[in-house]
Amino acid sequence: MKIGKIIGRVVSTKKVESFEGLKFLLVLPLNENLKPEGEAFVALDMIRCGTGEIVYYETSREGGRVLETLQNPCDAAVMGIIDNITLEDTK
């Protein structure tokens, strides 16, 4: 799983049947220090999170497995909201 920050929503009035009733979010990937790492992308919102929240997500085939139908075009999905991150000193 990867870490990201929700930076917006994507509105789509027409979508494939397996996406009906679901939200799309704009996710900015973050590194372990919560610094931006990469370009923002669209992900399916499975947990009803909002803008500004730090989340964990999955991409590629694993992202699509959140839906009951295995044959769906989902490339990324938000799996959970992160409440706290603790980094241990590895020195």
N, C-alpha and C. Protein backbone atom coordinates (compact mmCIF):
# COMPACT_ATOMS: atom_id res chain seq x y z
N MET A 1 0.83 -1.18 0.00
CA MET A 1 0.00 0.00 0.00
C MET A 1 0.88 1.24 0.00
N LYS A 2 0.30 2.32 -0.48
CA LYS A 2 1.03 3.57 -0.60
C LYS A 2 0.29 4.67 0.15
N ILE A 3 0.99 5.77 0.44
CA ILE A 3 0.43 6.89 1.19
C ILE A 3 0.16 8.04 0.24
N GLY A 4 -0.95 8.75 0.46
CA GLY A 4 -1.27 9.91 -0.36
C GLY A 4 -2.13 10.90 0.40
N LYS A 5 -2.32 12.07 -0.21
CA LYS A 5 -3.16 13.11 0.37
C LYS A 5 -4.26 13.44 -0.64
N ILE A 6 -5.49 13.54 -0.16
CA ILE A 6 -6.61 13.90 -1.02
C ILE A 6 -6.55 15.40 -1.27
N ILE A 7 -6.41 15.77 -2.55
CA ILE A 7 -6.30 17.20 -2.89
C ILE A 7 -7.50 17.71 -3.68
N GLY A 8 -8.48 16.85 -3.93
CA GLY A 8 -9.66 17.30 -4.64
C GLY A 8 -10.56 16.15 -5.05
N ARG A 9 -11.66 16.51 -5.73
CA ARG A 9 -12.62 15.53 -6.23
C ARG A 9 -12.72 15.64 -7.73
N VAL A 10 -13.10 14.55 -8.36
CA VAL A 10 -13.34 14.53 -9.79
C VAL A 10 -14.80 14.15 -9.98
N VAL A 11 -15.55 14.98 -10.70
CA VAL A 11 -16.98 14.73 -10.91
C VAL A 11 -17.19 14.16 -12.30
N SER A 12 -17.92 13.07 -12.36
CA SER A 12 -18.22 12.41 -13.62
C SER A 12 -19.71 12.06 -13.64
N THR A 13 -20.44 12.66 -14.57
CA THR A 13 -21.88 12.40 -14.63
C THR A 13 -22.20 11.10 -15.34
N LYS A 14 -21.31 10.64 -16.22
CA LYS A 14 -21.51 9.36 -16.90
C LYS A 14 -20.30 8.49 -16.62
N LYS A 15 -20.56 7.27 -16.21
CA LYS A 15 -19.47 6.34 -15.90
C LYS A 15 -19.92 4.91 -16.13
N VAL A 16 -18.97 3.99 -16.13
CA VAL A 16 -19.31 2.59 -16.31
C VAL A 16 -20.18 2.12 -15.14
N GLU A 17 -20.96 1.11 -15.41
CA GLU A 17 -21.94 0.62 -14.43
C GLU A 17 -21.31 0.25 -13.09
N SER A 18 -20.13 -0.35 -13.09
CA SER A 18 -19.51 -0.78 -11.83
C SER A 18 -19.08 0.39 -10.95
N PHE A 19 -19.03 1.61 -11.50
CA PHE A 19 -18.65 2.80 -10.72
C PHE A 19 -19.85 3.61 -10.25
N GLU A 20 -21.07 3.21 -10.61
CA GLU A 20 -22.25 3.96 -10.22
C GLU A 20 -22.34 4.11 -8.70
N GLY A 21 -22.59 5.33 -8.25
CA GLY A 21 -22.73 5.62 -6.82
C GLY A 21 -21.43 5.83 -6.08
N LEU A 22 -20.29 5.75 -6.77
CA LEU A 22 -18.99 5.93 -6.12
C LEU A 22 -18.36 7.27 -6.50
N LYS A 23 -17.55 7.81 -5.59
CA LYS A 23 -16.85 9.07 -5.82
C LYS A 23 -15.46 8.82 -6.37
N PHE A 24 -14.96 9.81 -7.10
CA PHE A 24 -13.58 9.81 -7.55
C PHE A 24 -12.84 10.92 -6.83
N LEU A 25 -11.61 10.64 -6.40
CA LEU A 25 -10.80 11.62 -5.69
C LEU A 25 -9.50 11.87 -6.43
N LEU A 26 -8.93 13.05 -6.24
CA LEU A 26 -7.62 13.37 -6.78
C LEU A 26 -6.61 13.16 -5.64
N VAL A 27 -5.68 12.24 -5.84
CA VAL A 27 -4.73 11.83 -4.79
C VAL A 27 -3.32 12.26 -5.18
N LEU A 28 -2.62 12.89 -4.26
CA LEU A 28 -1.22 13.27 -4.44
C LEU A 28 -0.37 12.27 -3.66
N PRO A 29 0.48 11.50 -4.33
CA PRO A 29 1.33 10.53 -3.62
C PRO A 29 2.30 11.23 -2.66
N LEU A 30 2.54 10.61 -1.51
CA LEU A 30 3.46 11.14 -0.50
C LEU A 30 4.51 10.09 -0.16
N ASN A 31 5.69 10.56 0.30
CA ASN A 31 6.69 9.62 0.80
C ASN A 31 6.47 9.41 2.29
N GLU A 32 7.36 8.66 2.94
CA GLU A 32 7.18 8.35 4.37
C GLU A 32 7.28 9.58 5.27
N ASN A 33 7.85 10.69 4.74
CA ASN A 33 7.93 11.93 5.51
C ASN A 33 6.79 12.88 5.16
N LEU A 34 5.79 12.36 4.44
CA LEU A 34 4.60 13.10 4.02
C LEU A 34 4.91 14.26 3.08
N LYS A 35 5.96 14.11 2.31
CA LYS A 35 6.33 15.09 1.28
C LYS A 35 5.82 14.56 -0.07
N PRO A 36 5.33 15.47 -0.94
CA PRO A 36 4.83 15.04 -2.26
C PRO A 36 5.89 14.27 -3.04
N GLU A 37 5.43 13.20 -3.69
CA GLU A 37 6.32 12.35 -4.46
C GLU A 37 5.57 11.82 -5.68
N GLY A 38 5.69 12.51 -6.79
CA GLY A 38 5.00 12.09 -8.00
C GLY A 38 3.84 13.00 -8.33
N GLU A 39 3.13 12.63 -9.39
CA GLU A 39 2.01 13.43 -9.88
C GLU A 39 0.69 12.91 -9.33
N ALA A 40 -0.27 13.81 -9.19
CA ALA A 40 -1.60 13.45 -8.70
C ALA A 40 -2.30 12.54 -9.71
N PHE A 41 -3.21 11.71 -9.22
CA PHE A 41 -3.96 10.79 -10.05
C PHE A 41 -5.36 10.63 -9.49
N VAL A 42 -6.25 10.05 -10.28
CA VAL A 42 -7.63 9.82 -9.87
C VAL A 42 -7.75 8.42 -9.26
N ALA A 43 -8.44 8.35 -8.12
CA ALA A 43 -8.66 7.07 -7.44
C ALA A 43 -10.12 6.95 -7.02
N LEU A 44 -10.59 5.75 -6.96
CA LEU A 44 -11.94 5.45 -6.50
C LEU A 44 -11.99 5.58 -4.99
N ASP A 45 -13.03 6.24 -4.47
CA ASP A 45 -13.18 6.42 -3.02
C ASP A 45 -14.11 5.35 -2.47
N MET A 46 -13.57 4.42 -1.72
CA MET A 46 -14.36 3.33 -1.15
C MET A 46 -14.76 3.61 0.30
N ILE A 47 -14.24 4.68 0.90
CA ILE A 47 -14.44 4.88 2.34
C ILE A 47 -15.01 6.24 2.71
N ARG A 48 -15.36 7.06 1.72
CA ARG A 48 -15.96 8.37 1.95
C ARG A 48 -15.03 9.32 2.71
N CYS A 49 -13.84 9.51 2.17
CA CYS A 49 -12.92 10.45 2.79
C CYS A 49 -13.03 11.81 2.11
N GLY A 50 -12.38 12.81 2.69
CA GLY A 50 -12.51 14.16 2.17
C GLY A 50 -11.18 14.82 1.87
N THR A 51 -11.27 15.99 1.26
CA THR A 51 -10.09 16.75 0.88
C THR A 51 -9.22 17.06 2.10
N GLY A 52 -7.91 16.90 1.95
CA GLY A 52 -6.96 17.19 3.01
C GLY A 52 -6.58 15.98 3.85
N GLU A 53 -7.32 14.89 3.73
CA GLU A 53 -7.02 13.71 4.54
C GLU A 53 -5.84 12.93 3.97
N ILE A 54 -5.05 12.35 4.86
CA ILE A 54 -3.95 11.47 4.49
C ILE A 54 -4.52 10.05 4.45
N VAL A 55 -4.28 9.35 3.35
CA VAL A 55 -4.90 8.04 3.14
C VAL A 55 -3.86 7.02 2.70
N TYR A 56 -4.25 5.75 2.73
CA TYR A 56 -3.46 4.74 2.05
C TYR A 56 -4.30 4.20 0.89
N TYR A 57 -3.58 3.86 -0.18
CA TYR A 57 -4.27 3.45 -1.40
C TYR A 57 -3.50 2.33 -2.08
N GLU A 58 -4.15 1.73 -3.04
CA GLU A 58 -3.51 0.69 -3.84
C GLU A 58 -3.76 1.00 -5.31
N THR A 59 -2.82 0.60 -6.14
CA THR A 59 -2.94 0.85 -7.57
C THR A 59 -2.87 -0.45 -8.36
N SER A 60 -3.03 -0.34 -9.64
CA SER A 60 -3.02 -1.43 -10.63
C SER A 60 -4.08 -2.48 -10.29
N ARG A 61 -3.80 -3.73 -10.54
CA ARG A 61 -4.80 -4.78 -10.38
C ARG A 61 -5.37 -4.84 -8.96
N GLU A 62 -4.54 -4.60 -7.97
CA GLU A 62 -4.99 -4.65 -6.58
C GLU A 62 -6.01 -3.55 -6.30
N GLY A 63 -5.86 -2.39 -6.94
CA GLY A 63 -6.83 -1.31 -6.77
C GLY A 63 -8.21 -1.70 -7.25
N GLY A 64 -8.28 -2.45 -8.33
CA GLY A 64 -9.56 -2.88 -8.88
C GLY A 64 -10.26 -3.97 -8.09
N ARG A 65 -9.54 -4.61 -7.19
CA ARG A 65 -10.13 -5.72 -6.42
C ARG A 65 -11.07 -5.25 -5.33
N VAL A 66 -11.19 -3.93 -5.12
CA VAL A 66 -12.10 -3.42 -4.09
C VAL A 66 -13.55 -3.55 -4.52
N LEU A 67 -13.78 -3.71 -5.82
CA LEU A 67 -15.15 -3.87 -6.32
C LEU A 67 -15.49 -5.34 -6.46
N GLU A 68 -16.77 -5.64 -6.32
CA GLU A 68 -17.22 -7.03 -6.42
C GLU A 68 -16.97 -7.61 -7.80
N THR A 69 -17.14 -6.79 -8.83
CA THR A 69 -16.91 -7.28 -10.19
C THR A 69 -15.42 -7.24 -10.48
N LEU A 70 -14.83 -8.35 -10.77
CA LEU A 70 -13.39 -8.41 -11.01
C LEU A 70 -13.01 -7.77 -12.34
N GLN A 71 -13.93 -7.76 -13.30
CA GLN A 71 -13.65 -7.14 -14.58
C GLN A 71 -14.14 -5.69 -14.56
N ASN A 72 -13.34 -4.79 -14.03
CA ASN A 72 -13.69 -3.38 -13.99
C ASN A 72 -12.44 -2.56 -14.34
N PRO A 73 -12.61 -1.32 -14.79
CA PRO A 73 -11.48 -0.52 -15.24
C PRO A 73 -10.80 0.30 -14.14
N CYS A 74 -10.90 -0.09 -12.89
CA CYS A 74 -10.32 0.67 -11.78
C CYS A 74 -8.80 0.46 -11.72
N ASP A 75 -8.04 1.57 -11.73
CA ASP A 75 -6.58 1.51 -11.63
C ASP A 75 -6.06 1.86 -10.24
N ALA A 76 -6.88 2.59 -9.45
CA ALA A 76 -6.44 3.01 -8.12
C ALA A 76 -7.66 3.17 -7.22
N ALA A 77 -7.49 2.81 -5.94
CA ALA A 77 -8.58 2.94 -4.98
C ALA A 77 -8.03 3.31 -3.61
N VAL A 78 -8.73 4.22 -2.94
CA VAL A 78 -8.38 4.59 -1.57
C VAL A 78 -8.94 3.52 -0.65
N MET A 79 -8.08 2.99 0.23
CA MET A 79 -8.46 1.87 1.09
C MET A 79 -8.72 2.28 2.55
N GLY A 80 -8.09 3.38 3.01
CA GLY A 80 -8.27 3.77 4.40
C GLY A 80 -7.72 5.14 4.69
N ILE A 81 -8.16 5.72 5.80
CA ILE A 81 -7.69 7.03 6.27
C ILE A 81 -6.63 6.78 7.34
N ILE A 82 -5.51 7.49 7.22
CA ILE A 82 -4.41 7.36 8.20
C ILE A 82 -4.63 8.36 9.32
N ASP A 83 -4.68 7.88 10.55
CA ASP A 83 -4.85 8.75 11.71
C ASP A 83 -3.53 9.22 12.27
N ASN A 84 -2.50 8.36 12.18
CA ASN A 84 -1.23 8.71 12.80
C ASN A 84 -0.12 7.89 12.14
N ILE A 85 1.04 8.52 11.96
CA ILE A 85 2.22 7.82 11.47
C ILE A 85 3.36 8.08 12.45
N THR A 86 4.01 7.02 12.89
CA THR A 86 5.15 7.14 13.79
C THR A 86 6.36 6.52 13.11
N LEU A 87 7.40 7.34 12.93
CA LEU A 87 8.65 6.85 12.35
C LEU A 87 9.65 6.61 13.47
N GLU A 88 10.24 5.44 13.48
CA GLU A 88 11.26 5.15 14.47
C GLU A 88 12.62 5.57 13.94
N ASP A 89 13.48 6.02 14.82
CA ASP A 89 14.83 6.39 14.44
C ASP A 89 15.61 5.13 14.12
N THR A 90 16.10 5.01 12.88
CA THR A 90 16.81 3.81 12.47
C THR A 90 18.32 3.94 12.60
N LYS A 91 18.81 4.99 13.21
CA LYS A 91 20.25 5.20 13.36
C LYS A 91 20.81 4.43 14.53
